């Protein structure tokens, strides 16, 4: 879906009717937006003007390339520049050509190819490994490669300026490189304001695709949790309990987060490739999102939910993440999630015979009831055994979809095929 330039121009022109010079934040109940620039100072847009401004930005983001490669922040910045310049001009009317030249052309000029290094916490890489478009590097290799990138980069300006910028780049690398146990190196094409966010999304997909199957490599009690810095941490808490019976004074020492590193070596990589077929799971990430079919999108979303459940801080949140992963696989967009669809399709997907399917459906109905109690009644008393059972079912379901050799273009067709198994 593409944007309507006339609608954008009209909304931005009309938004100026609700603007006033200066920064006026006196009424906290008023919906407002302040736009500032060095050349013109500030203007404050209020109420309907903010609505019109946002409508214009969201209209431009209907273009999938602008949404994915540029992002909302960069679009908004160029829109602000145009609006404040027109507000202080003799002609406040904005036309289609100005949208093209002052916004669209400018953001596209700042789209380029970027090499981004993201720190990963508690992942012990025994060598460099590639999963999809991501190259995971041990700390020493990440330092060497990022240093080479800086040394070979053509900085602008005179020779002295280039060396000064190069030296600053090297100092930044040495300060930043210790933030993780290893680094994920990714090459992305994006706007300069979007490159970090865009590359982080790709890294998150790959991390969760691997992390979703953590229990196939380590027991949960070992707490070998890895991820991006904002996802994982490690700390201990002490709880004190005092009771009325004699001697009923207890303390417990509980570990939150990771305890030991997740070791990623050749054996782990081989299992990811041969048993899980990780390359098939992440294959869509090498293409732009608009080319993904609905089943590919659903499978990656399921992996994201299952992977995030591993680092969820609470057991009920981890349980819900596993439930969402199964629902994402079995319930197409636009369809209602029901206990029958959840349990029946799960049983048909991973059960090998009638007795096994009946047992899976029975367990799935009970677990779905717990999921509904979390969602609708803020239920938190989830048992570890129930979480592990649902996680196991989610892993089996995800593996079944990944390794299904039938080529489906639509998620709906896949689910209809599952329904047809009832009559086999």
Protein backbone atom coordinates (compact mmCIF):
# COMPACT_ATOMS: atom_id res chain seq x y z
CA UNK A 1 0.00 0.00 0.00
CA UNK A 2 1.33 3.42 -0.95
CA UNK A 3 0.70 6.90 0.33
CA UNK A 4 -1.59 9.64 -0.96
CA UNK A 5 0.58 12.75 -1.49
CA UNK A 6 -2.44 15.03 -1.80
CA UNK A 7 -3.72 13.86 1.56
CA UNK A 8 -0.31 14.46 3.17
CA UNK A 9 -0.01 17.97 1.67
CA UNK A 10 -3.53 18.90 2.72
CA UNK A 11 -3.08 17.64 6.31
CA UNK A 12 0.21 19.50 6.81
CA UNK A 13 -1.20 22.71 5.34
CA UNK A 14 -4.25 22.56 7.61
CA UNK A 15 -2.17 21.68 10.68
CA UNK A 16 -0.58 25.14 10.58
CA UNK A 17 -3.98 26.70 11.32
CA UNK A 18 -3.63 25.27 14.85
CA UNK A 19 -0.08 26.55 15.37
CA UNK A 20 1.26 29.56 17.24
CA UNK A 21 4.79 30.99 17.53
CA UNK A 22 6.94 30.04 20.49
CA UNK A 23 6.94 27.18 22.97
CA UNK A 24 3.72 27.24 24.99
CA UNK A 25 3.28 24.30 27.39
CA UNK A 26 0.92 26.07 29.80
CA UNK A 27 -2.07 23.72 29.46
CA UNK A 28 -1.09 20.12 30.33
CA UNK A 29 -4.48 18.79 29.19
CA UNK A 30 -3.99 20.04 25.66
CA UNK A 31 -2.64 17.72 22.99
CA UNK A 32 0.32 19.59 21.55
CA UNK A 33 3.54 19.25 19.58
CA UNK A 34 6.47 21.68 19.73
CA UNK A 35 8.63 22.07 16.62
CA UNK A 36 11.94 23.92 16.85
CA UNK A 37 14.66 24.93 14.42
CA UNK A 38 17.79 27.08 14.56
CA UNK A 39 16.58 29.30 11.72
CA UNK A 40 13.01 29.93 12.91
CA UNK A 41 12.82 29.27 16.63
CA UNK A 42 9.77 27.30 17.80
CA UNK A 43 6.09 26.82 17.09
CA UNK A 44 3.47 24.97 19.13
CA UNK A 45 0.82 22.94 17.31
CA UNK A 46 -2.31 22.13 19.34
CA UNK A 47 -5.21 19.67 19.35
CA UNK A 48 -6.52 19.07 15.82
CA UNK A 49 -3.24 20.29 14.39
CA UNK A 50 -1.46 17.42 16.14
CA UNK A 51 -3.99 14.98 14.75
CA UNK A 52 -3.44 16.30 11.23
CA UNK A 53 0.35 16.21 11.67
CA UNK A 54 0.22 12.57 12.81
CA UNK A 55 -2.14 11.63 9.99
CA UNK A 56 0.36 12.99 7.47
CA UNK A 57 3.25 11.02 9.00
CA UNK A 58 1.24 7.79 9.15
CA UNK A 59 0.07 8.29 5.58
CA UNK A 60 3.71 8.43 4.41
CA UNK A 61 4.49 5.31 6.45
CA UNK A 62 1.96 3.36 4.40
CA UNK A 63 4.81 3.03 1.92
CA UNK A 64 6.44 -0.21 3.06
CA UNK A 65 9.94 0.85 2.01
CA UNK A 66 9.70 4.10 3.96
CA UNK A 67 8.31 2.28 6.99
CA UNK A 68 10.98 -0.42 6.98
CA UNK A 69 14.08 1.40 5.74
CA UNK A 70 13.46 4.92 7.04
CA UNK A 71 11.15 4.67 10.03
CA UNK A 72 8.84 7.10 11.77
CA UNK A 73 11.45 9.21 13.55
CA UNK A 74 13.32 10.22 10.39
CA UNK A 75 10.04 10.93 8.55
CA UNK A 76 8.81 13.09 11.43
CA UNK A 77 12.05 15.08 11.50
CA UNK A 78 11.75 16.04 7.83
CA UNK A 79 8.05 16.82 8.21
CA UNK A 80 8.86 19.14 11.12
CA UNK A 81 11.48 20.99 9.06
CA UNK A 82 9.00 21.56 6.24
CA UNK A 83 6.11 22.63 8.48
CA UNK A 84 8.08 25.21 10.51
CA UNK A 85 9.71 26.62 7.36
CA UNK A 86 6.32 27.05 5.68
CA UNK A 87 4.74 28.51 8.83
CA UNK A 88 7.22 31.41 8.83
CA UNK A 89 7.05 31.90 5.04
CA UNK A 90 4.72 34.10 3.01
CA UNK A 91 2.91 31.05 1.59
CA UNK A 92 1.89 28.38 4.07
CA UNK A 93 0.32 26.10 1.47
CA UNK A 94 2.20 22.81 1.02
CA UNK A 95 1.84 21.00 -2.30
CA UNK A 96 2.66 17.51 -3.56
CA UNK A 97 5.99 18.50 -5.09
CA UNK A 98 7.22 19.93 -1.79
CA UNK A 99 6.37 16.62 -0.11
CA UNK A 100 8.41 14.80 -2.74
CA UNK A 101 11.46 17.07 -2.64
CA UNK A 102 11.54 18.20 1.00
CA UNK A 103 10.59 14.91 2.66
CA UNK A 104 10.71 11.82 0.46
CA UNK A 105 13.79 12.73 -1.56
CA UNK A 106 15.75 13.80 1.52
CA UNK A 107 15.07 10.65 3.55
CA UNK A 108 15.88 8.43 0.58
CA UNK A 109 19.21 10.21 0.11
CA UNK A 110 20.18 9.08 3.62
CA UNK A 111 19.46 5.40 2.95
CA UNK A 112 22.67 3.40 2.73
CA UNK A 113 24.44 0.18 3.65
CA UNK A 114 25.57 -0.14 7.27
CA UNK A 115 27.67 -2.63 9.22
CA UNK A 116 26.35 -2.82 12.79
CA UNK A 117 27.81 -4.71 15.77
CA UNK A 118 25.34 -5.56 18.57
CA UNK A 119 26.58 -6.87 21.95
CA UNK A 120 25.16 -10.19 23.16
CA UNK A 121 25.19 -11.04 26.86
CA UNK A 122 26.07 -14.48 28.31
CA UNK A 123 26.70 -16.20 24.97
CA UNK A 124 30.07 -17.94 24.87
CA UNK A 125 30.99 -18.25 21.19
CA UNK A 126 33.58 -20.94 20.41
CA UNK A 127 34.42 -19.43 17.04
CA UNK A 128 32.49 -17.41 14.46
CA UNK A 129 29.15 -18.76 13.23
CA UNK A 130 26.64 -17.46 10.69
CA UNK A 131 22.90 -17.88 11.13
CA UNK A 132 20.91 -16.29 8.35
CA UNK A 133 22.32 -12.83 7.67
CA UNK A 134 23.88 -12.54 11.15
CA UNK A 135 27.51 -13.37 11.92
CA UNK A 136 28.15 -14.09 15.60
CA UNK A 137 31.70 -13.24 16.67
CA UNK A 138 33.66 -13.87 19.88
CA UNK A 139 34.78 -10.70 21.63
CA UNK A 140 38.32 -10.72 20.20
CA UNK A 141 37.14 -11.28 16.63
CA UNK A 142 34.50 -8.54 16.96
CA UNK A 143 37.19 -6.12 18.16
CA UNK A 144 39.47 -7.00 15.25
CA UNK A 145 36.74 -6.78 12.61
CA UNK A 146 35.23 -3.53 13.85
CA UNK A 147 38.73 -2.04 14.01
CA UNK A 148 39.35 -3.03 10.38
CA UNK A 149 36.06 -1.38 9.40
CA UNK A 150 37.11 1.90 11.01
CA UNK A 151 40.61 1.80 9.55
CA UNK A 152 39.31 1.24 6.00
CA UNK A 153 36.43 3.74 6.20
CA UNK A 154 36.79 6.83 3.99
CA UNK A 155 36.13 9.66 6.47
CA UNK A 156 35.31 13.07 4.93
CA UNK A 157 37.51 16.14 5.13
CA UNK A 158 41.25 16.84 4.99
CA UNK A 159 43.85 14.27 6.02
CA UNK A 160 44.17 15.62 9.57
CA UNK A 161 40.39 15.64 10.03
CA UNK A 162 40.18 12.08 8.73
CA UNK A 163 42.79 10.85 11.20
CA UNK A 164 41.08 12.67 14.05
CA UNK A 165 37.73 11.05 13.20
CA UNK A 166 39.40 7.65 12.78
CA UNK A 167 41.07 7.96 16.18
CA UNK A 168 37.76 8.89 17.78
CA UNK A 169 36.14 5.88 16.12
CA UNK A 170 38.81 3.54 17.48
CA UNK A 171 38.46 4.94 20.99
CA UNK A 172 34.69 4.45 20.83
CA UNK A 173 35.17 0.83 19.74
CA UNK A 174 37.51 0.07 22.63
CA UNK A 175 35.08 1.65 25.11
CA UNK A 176 32.03 -0.14 23.71
CA UNK A 177 33.43 -3.54 22.80
CA UNK A 178 33.40 -4.86 26.38
CA UNK A 179 29.62 -4.50 26.73
CA UNK A 180 28.97 -8.09 25.69
CA UNK A 181 30.44 -11.58 25.76
CA UNK A 182 30.23 -11.67 21.98
CA UNK A 183 28.85 -9.56 19.13
CA UNK A 184 26.33 -10.03 16.35
CA UNK A 185 27.52 -8.46 13.11
CA UNK A 186 24.81 -7.55 10.64
CA UNK A 187 24.81 -5.65 7.34
CA UNK A 188 21.63 -3.70 6.69
CA UNK A 189 20.34 -1.22 4.19
CA UNK A 190 18.50 1.56 6.00
CA UNK A 191 18.26 5.27 6.77
CA UNK A 192 21.03 6.58 9.03
CA UNK A 193 18.52 7.11 11.86
CA UNK A 194 17.01 3.66 11.37
CA UNK A 195 20.10 1.48 10.87
CA UNK A 196 20.58 0.52 14.54
CA UNK A 197 16.90 -0.20 15.15
CA UNK A 198 16.52 -2.04 11.84
CA UNK A 199 19.59 -4.19 12.47
CA UNK A 200 18.54 -4.88 16.06
CA UNK A 201 15.21 -6.23 14.83
CA UNK A 202 17.09 -8.68 12.60
CA UNK A 203 19.35 -9.71 15.49
CA UNK A 204 16.30 -10.19 17.74
CA UNK A 205 14.72 -12.52 15.18
CA UNK A 206 17.86 -14.69 15.02
CA UNK A 207 18.47 -14.67 18.79
CA UNK A 208 14.91 -15.72 19.51
CA UNK A 209 14.98 -18.35 16.78
CA UNK A 210 17.92 -19.97 18.59
CA UNK A 211 16.77 -19.21 22.13
CA UNK A 212 13.36 -20.76 21.49
CA UNK A 213 15.05 -24.17 21.53
CA UNK A 214 17.21 -23.55 24.63
CA UNK A 215 15.70 -26.50 26.52
CA UNK A 216 16.98 -28.84 23.79
CA UNK A 217 20.53 -27.93 24.82
CA UNK A 218 20.40 -27.19 28.55
CA UNK A 219 18.21 -27.97 31.53
CA UNK A 220 16.16 -25.00 32.67
CA UNK A 221 17.70 -25.08 36.14
CA UNK A 222 21.12 -24.23 34.67
CA UNK A 223 19.83 -20.75 33.73
CA UNK A 224 21.99 -20.45 30.64
CA UNK A 225 20.08 -17.43 29.35
CA UNK A 226 21.51 -15.14 26.68
CA UNK A 227 20.31 -12.12 24.76
CA UNK A 228 20.63 -8.40 24.14
CA UNK A 229 21.74 -6.22 27.09
CA UNK A 230 18.22 -4.93 27.74
CA UNK A 231 16.84 -8.49 27.88
CA UNK A 232 19.09 -10.32 30.34
CA UNK A 233 20.81 -9.62 33.63
CA UNK A 234 21.89 -11.53 36.69
CA UNK A 235 21.20 -10.77 40.34
CA UNK A 236 20.25 -12.49 43.59
CA UNK A 237 17.52 -11.69 46.09
CA UNK A 238 17.06 -12.79 49.68
CA UNK A 239 13.61 -13.55 51.09
CA UNK A 240 12.97 -13.89 54.84
CA UNK A 241 10.09 -15.88 56.33
CA UNK A 242 9.21 -15.94 60.04
CA UNK A 243 6.52 -18.28 61.39
CA UNK A 244 4.82 -18.89 64.74
CA UNK A 245 6.17 -22.44 65.30
CA UNK A 246 9.43 -22.66 67.19
CA UNK A 247 12.45 -22.26 64.91
CA UNK A 248 10.38 -21.14 61.93
CA UNK A 249 12.82 -18.59 60.61
CA UNK A 250 13.99 -19.16 57.04
CA UNK A 251 15.85 -17.32 54.34
CA UNK A 252 15.98 -18.17 50.65
CA UNK A 253 18.54 -17.01 48.16
CA UNK A 254 17.04 -16.83 44.65
CA UNK A 255 18.94 -16.22 41.44
CA UNK A 256 17.26 -14.06 38.82
CA UNK A 257 18.52 -14.10 35.26
CA UNK A 258 21.49 -16.08 34.00
CA UNK A 259 23.97 -18.11 36.00
CA UNK A 260 26.28 -19.77 33.47
CA UNK A 261 26.94 -18.89 29.82
CA UNK A 262 25.21 -20.55 26.93
CA UNK A 263 28.10 -22.20 25.10
CA UNK A 264 27.74 -22.02 21.33
CA UNK A 265 30.10 -24.44 19.61
CA UNK A 266 30.21 -26.69 16.54
CA UNK A 267 27.96 -29.30 18.14
CA UNK A 268 25.26 -26.74 18.96
CA UNK A 269 25.50 -25.28 15.47
CA UNK A 270 25.22 -28.75 13.90
CA UNK A 271 22.06 -29.53 15.90
CA UNK A 272 20.55 -26.17 14.97
CA UNK A 273 21.15 -26.97 11.30
CA UNK A 274 20.26 -30.66 11.16
CA UNK A 275 17.58 -31.15 13.83
CA UNK A 276 15.92 -27.74 13.97
CA UNK A 277 16.57 -26.65 10.37
CA UNK A 278 17.34 -23.13 11.56
CA UNK A 279 18.32 -21.97 8.07
CA UNK A 280 14.78 -22.59 6.80
CA UNK A 281 13.24 -20.83 9.78
CA UNK A 282 15.26 -17.63 9.29
CA UNK A 283 15.40 -17.70 5.47
CA UNK A 284 12.74 -14.95 5.05
CA UNK A 285 15.01 -12.51 6.92
CA UNK A 286 17.24 -12.31 3.85
CA UNK A 287 14.32 -10.72 1.97
CA UNK A 288 12.32 -7.55 2.57
CA UNK A 289 9.33 -8.07 4.83
CA UNK A 290 6.72 -7.39 2.17
CA UNK A 291 7.83 -10.55 0.30
CA UNK A 292 7.19 -12.88 3.26
CA UNK A 293 4.19 -15.13 2.88
CA UNK A 294 1.71 -15.38 5.76
CA UNK A 295 2.97 -18.76 7.01
CA UNK A 296 6.58 -17.53 7.07
CA UNK A 297 5.49 -14.49 9.03
CA UNK A 298 3.50 -16.62 11.48
CA UNK A 299 6.38 -19.05 12.01
CA UNK A 300 8.89 -16.27 12.71
CA UNK A 301 6.41 -14.58 15.07
CA UNK A 302 5.98 -17.86 16.92
CA UNK A 303 9.76 -18.20 17.28
CA UNK A 304 9.96 -14.64 18.62
CA UNK A 305 7.29 -15.35 21.26
CA UNK A 306 8.84 -18.65 22.28
CA UNK A 307 12.33 -17.13 22.41
CA UNK A 308 11.15 -14.21 24.53
CA UNK A 309 9.44 -16.60 26.95
CA UNK A 310 12.89 -17.94 27.87
CA UNK A 311 13.96 -14.56 29.27
CA UNK A 312 10.57 -13.56 30.71
CA UNK A 313 11.03 -12.35 34.32
CA UNK A 314 7.90 -14.09 35.63
CA UNK A 315 6.62 -17.63 35.21
CA UNK A 316 3.15 -16.54 34.10
CA UNK A 317 4.73 -14.33 31.41
CA UNK A 318 6.90 -17.22 30.22
CA UNK A 319 3.83 -19.48 30.10
CA UNK A 320 1.87 -16.88 28.13
CA UNK A 321 4.74 -16.49 25.65
CA UNK A 322 4.61 -20.24 24.92
CA UNK A 323 0.83 -20.08 24.47
CA UNK A 324 1.14 -17.14 22.07
CA UNK A 325 3.73 -19.04 20.05
CA UNK A 326 1.34 -21.98 19.56
CA UNK A 327 -1.59 -19.68 18.78
CA UNK A 328 0.49 -17.81 16.21
CA UNK A 329 1.19 -21.10 14.42
CA UNK A 330 -2.36 -22.46 14.56
CA UNK A 331 -4.63 -19.39 14.33
CA UNK A 332 -4.37 -17.28 11.13
CA UNK A 333 -4.76 -13.51 11.26
CA UNK A 334 -8.41 -12.54 11.44
CA UNK A 335 -9.50 -15.83 13.03
CA UNK A 336 -10.68 -16.12 16.60
CA UNK A 337 -8.57 -18.13 19.02
CA UNK A 338 -10.71 -20.79 20.68
CA UNK A 339 -9.87 -23.72 22.91
CA UNK A 340 -11.12 -26.13 20.23
CA UNK A 341 -8.94 -24.70 17.48
CA UNK A 342 -5.95 -24.51 19.81
CA UNK A 343 -6.21 -28.05 21.17
CA UNK A 344 -7.46 -29.85 18.05
CA UNK A 345 -4.96 -28.31 15.63
CA UNK A 346 -2.07 -28.78 18.05
CA UNK A 347 -2.97 -32.46 18.44
CA UNK A 348 -3.29 -32.91 14.69
CA UNK A 349 0.01 -31.14 14.09
CA UNK A 350 2.27 -33.05 16.49
CA UNK A 351 0.36 -36.24 17.32
CA UNK A 352 1.41 -39.42 15.48
CA UNK A 353 -1.68 -41.56 16.20
CA UNK A 354 -5.20 -41.31 17.58
CA UNK A 355 -4.32 -42.09 21.22
CA UNK A 356 -1.46 -39.60 21.21
CA UNK A 357 -3.62 -36.91 19.66
CA UNK A 358 -6.35 -37.42 22.25
CA UNK A 359 -3.83 -37.06 25.06
CA UNK A 360 -2.28 -33.92 23.50
CA UNK A 361 -5.72 -32.34 22.98
CA UNK A 362 -6.67 -33.07 26.60
CA UNK A 363 -3.46 -31.44 27.92
CA UNK A 364 -3.81 -28.52 25.50
CA UNK A 365 -7.35 -27.76 26.70
CA UNK A 366 -6.19 -27.65 30.32
CA UNK A 367 -3.21 -25.44 29.47
CA UNK A 368 -5.35 -23.16 27.30
CA UNK A 369 -7.63 -22.63 30.29
CA UNK A 370 -4.60 -21.44 32.29
CA UNK A 371 -3.67 -19.14 29.42
CA UNK A 372 -7.19 -17.62 29.46
CA UNK A 373 -7.02 -17.11 33.23
CA UNK A 374 -3.75 -15.19 32.84
CA UNK A 375 -5.13 -13.01 30.05
CA UNK A 376 -8.60 -12.35 31.46
CA UNK A 377 -8.18 -12.66 35.23
CA UNK A 378 -4.53 -11.69 35.88
CA UNK A 379 -3.84 -15.22 37.16
CA UNK A 380 -0.22 -15.64 38.25
CA UNK A 381 -0.04 -18.98 40.10
CA UNK A 382 1.49 -20.97 37.27
CA UNK A 383 3.39 -24.12 38.22
CA UNK A 384 6.81 -24.78 36.71
CA UNK A 385 5.61 -28.18 35.48
CA UNK A 386 2.77 -26.58 33.50
CA UNK A 387 5.15 -24.07 31.94
CA UNK A 388 7.60 -26.79 30.92
CA UNK A 389 4.80 -28.91 29.44
CA UNK A 390 3.49 -26.02 27.35
CA UNK A 391 7.01 -25.05 26.28
CA UNK A 392 7.63 -28.64 25.14
CA UNK A 393 4.42 -28.60 23.09
CA UNK A 394 5.35 -25.23 21.58
CA UNK A 395 8.78 -26.53 20.55
CA UNK A 396 7.27 -29.64 18.96
CA UNK A 397 4.74 -27.50 17.10
CA UNK A 398 7.38 -25.09 15.83
CA UNK A 399 9.61 -27.97 14.70
CA UNK A 400 6.68 -29.61 12.92
CA UNK A 401 5.94 -26.45 10.94
CA UNK A 402 9.59 -25.78 10.09
CA UNK A 403 10.22 -29.32 8.88
CA UNK A 404 6.95 -29.74 6.98
CA UNK A 405 8.04 -30.36 3.40
CA UNK A 406 4.73 -29.20 1.92
CA UNK A 407 5.02 -25.75 0.34
CA UNK A 408 2.31 -23.44 1.68
CA UNK A 409 1.91 -19.87 0.52
CA UNK A 410 -0.94 -18.98 2.87
CA UNK A 411 -1.20 -19.59 6.59
CA UNK A 412 -4.90 -20.32 6.11
CA UNK A 413 -4.11 -23.18 3.72
CA UNK A 414 -1.81 -24.74 6.28
CA UNK A 415 -4.52 -24.62 8.98
CA UNK A 416 -7.14 -26.02 6.59
CA UNK A 417 -4.81 -28.92 5.87
CA UNK A 418 -4.57 -29.57 9.60
CA UNK A 419 -8.37 -29.58 9.89
CA UNK A 420 -8.57 -32.11 7.05
CA UNK A 421 -6.52 -34.59 9.10
CA UNK A 422 -9.56 -35.13 11.29
CA UNK A 423 -11.13 -37.16 8.50
CA UNK A 424 -8.11 -39.25 7.56
